Protein backbone atom coordinates (compact mmCIF):
# COMPACT_ATOMS: atom_id res chain seq x y z
CA MET A 1 0.05 0.07 -0.14
CA THR A 2 1.71 3.37 -0.84
CA HIS A 3 0.81 7.12 0.68
CA GLU A 4 2.82 8.61 -1.89
CA ASN A 5 1.08 11.70 -3.05
CA HIS A 6 3.36 12.44 -6.16
CA SER A 7 1.66 10.33 -8.80
CA LEU A 8 -1.83 10.98 -8.27
CA PRO A 9 -4.18 10.54 -11.46
CA PRO A 10 -6.73 13.56 -12.42
CA LYS A 11 -9.47 14.12 -9.62
CA THR A 12 -12.88 12.65 -10.89
CA CYS A 13 -14.99 14.78 -8.85
CA THR A 14 -14.92 18.30 -6.54
CA ILE A 15 -14.21 18.06 -2.75
CA ASP A 16 -17.58 19.59 -2.27
CA ARG A 17 -19.17 16.11 -3.13
CA LEU A 18 -16.73 14.39 -1.14
CA ILE A 19 -18.97 13.88 2.02
CA THR A 20 -22.84 14.69 1.32
CA LEU A 21 -24.69 12.38 3.38
CA GLU A 22 -26.34 13.87 6.56
CA GLU A 23 -25.25 10.72 8.97
CA ASP A 24 -21.61 10.98 7.66
CA ILE A 25 -21.82 14.97 8.10
CA LYS A 26 -22.46 14.33 11.75
CA LYS A 27 -19.94 11.69 12.21
CA VAL A 28 -17.36 14.09 10.80
CA LEU A 29 -18.45 16.93 12.91
CA ALA A 30 -18.30 14.75 16.01
CA GLY A 31 -14.70 13.91 15.03
CA LYS A 32 -16.00 10.10 14.84
CA LYS A 33 -15.18 9.91 11.03
CA THR A 34 -11.87 10.68 9.60
CA ALA A 35 -11.58 9.18 6.64
CA THR A 36 -13.77 8.69 3.29
CA ARG A 37 -13.65 6.26 0.68
CA ARG A 38 -14.89 6.85 -2.83
CA ASN A 39 -14.63 5.33 -6.31
CA GLY A 40 -13.19 7.97 -7.69
CA ARG A 41 -10.41 10.73 -6.29
CA TYR A 42 -12.41 13.90 -4.99
CA ALA A 43 -9.68 15.65 -3.28
CA ASP A 44 -5.95 16.79 -3.57
CA PRO A 45 -3.68 16.84 -0.20
CA GLY A 46 -3.97 20.13 1.36
CA GLU A 47 -7.53 20.76 -0.08
CA ILE A 48 -10.07 22.36 2.58
CA MET A 49 -13.48 20.85 2.62
CA THR A 50 -16.31 22.56 4.53
CA LEU A 51 -19.14 21.27 6.57
CA GLU A 52 -21.62 23.37 7.99
CA GLY A 53 -18.99 26.12 8.27
CA ARG A 54 -16.41 24.00 9.82
CA LYS A 55 -12.85 23.41 7.68
CA PHE A 56 -11.39 20.22 7.47
CA VAL A 57 -7.95 19.86 5.50
CA VAL A 58 -7.41 16.53 3.45
CA GLU A 59 -3.84 15.13 4.74
CA LYS A 60 -3.65 12.07 2.24
CA VAL A 61 -5.32 10.62 -0.49
CA TYR A 62 -4.43 7.07 -1.40
CA SER A 63 -5.60 4.06 -3.49
CA GLN A 64 -6.81 0.95 -1.33
CA SER A 65 -8.30 -2.23 -2.19
CA LEU A 66 -11.48 -3.45 -0.46
CA GLY A 67 -9.73 -6.88 0.48
CA GLU A 68 -7.08 -4.37 2.65
CA LEU A 69 -9.72 -2.56 4.64
CA THR A 70 -9.28 -3.62 8.62
CA ASP A 71 -11.48 -2.66 11.59
CA GLU A 72 -9.21 0.17 12.09
CA ASP A 73 -10.16 1.55 8.78
CA ALA A 74 -13.62 1.29 9.51
CA ARG A 75 -13.37 2.98 12.57
CA SER A 76 -11.73 5.78 10.76
CA GLU A 77 -14.98 5.72 8.81
CA GLY A 78 -17.04 5.98 11.69
CA TYR A 79 -18.08 2.63 12.13
CA GLU A 80 -17.52 -0.15 15.03
CA SER A 81 -16.05 -2.78 12.63
CA LEU A 82 -15.40 -3.71 8.88
CA GLU A 83 -18.59 -5.61 8.81
CA GLU A 84 -20.71 -2.93 9.99
CA TYR A 85 -18.91 -0.65 7.03
CA LYS A 86 -19.17 -3.30 4.47
CA GLN A 87 -23.11 -3.49 5.24
CA SER A 88 -23.68 0.24 4.99
CA ILE A 89 -21.89 0.55 1.83
CA LEU A 90 -23.87 -2.24 0.30
CA SER A 91 -27.15 -0.78 1.55
CA LEU A 92 -26.00 2.38 -0.02
CA HIS A 93 -25.30 0.77 -3.36
CA PRO A 94 -27.77 -2.12 -3.92
CA GLY A 95 -26.44 -4.69 -6.34
CA MET A 96 -22.79 -3.70 -6.06
CA PRO A 97 -20.58 -6.87 -5.23
CA TRP A 98 -17.84 -6.49 -2.61
CA LEU A 99 -14.89 -7.34 -4.40
CA PRO A 100 -11.87 -8.01 -2.46
CA GLN A 101 -9.67 -6.78 -5.42
CA MET A 102 -11.93 -3.63 -6.03
CA ARG A 103 -9.89 -0.21 -5.37
CA VAL A 104 -11.26 2.75 -3.76
CA TRP A 105 -9.81 6.23 -2.92
CA VAL A 106 -9.34 6.81 0.62
CA HIS A 107 -9.59 10.42 1.58
CA GLU A 108 -7.98 11.11 5.27
CA PHE A 109 -8.53 14.34 6.73
CA ARG A 110 -8.49 16.38 10.01
CA PRO A 111 -10.10 19.56 11.41
CA LEU A 112 -8.47 22.59 10.37
CA GLU A 113 -7.60 24.90 13.51
CA GLU A 114 -8.49 28.44 13.02
CA LYS A 115 -6.06 30.66 13.66
């Protein structure tokens, strides 16, 4: 697994679409969600995401296969376990198979401290 940022492909969407579900926004604002996985790249490292007036900076963007996901990864998404995260994703995307080799883009972020 690589965490290098120097060879990222072009973004496929914009950062304002990174986190749109009300439940996920609440998890981010509560500090329970510090990463989100998408099938495309929505942000560059250093980019700022604003949710309900609060700013979060994207720290890392990297590719990961679903088979590499751990319970720790699921917790960074705001879930108790990998199984809970998997069921949530599959309920959001009916008919989508959970393929271990399928790759997703991980976006890790943290609150931006206002100076």
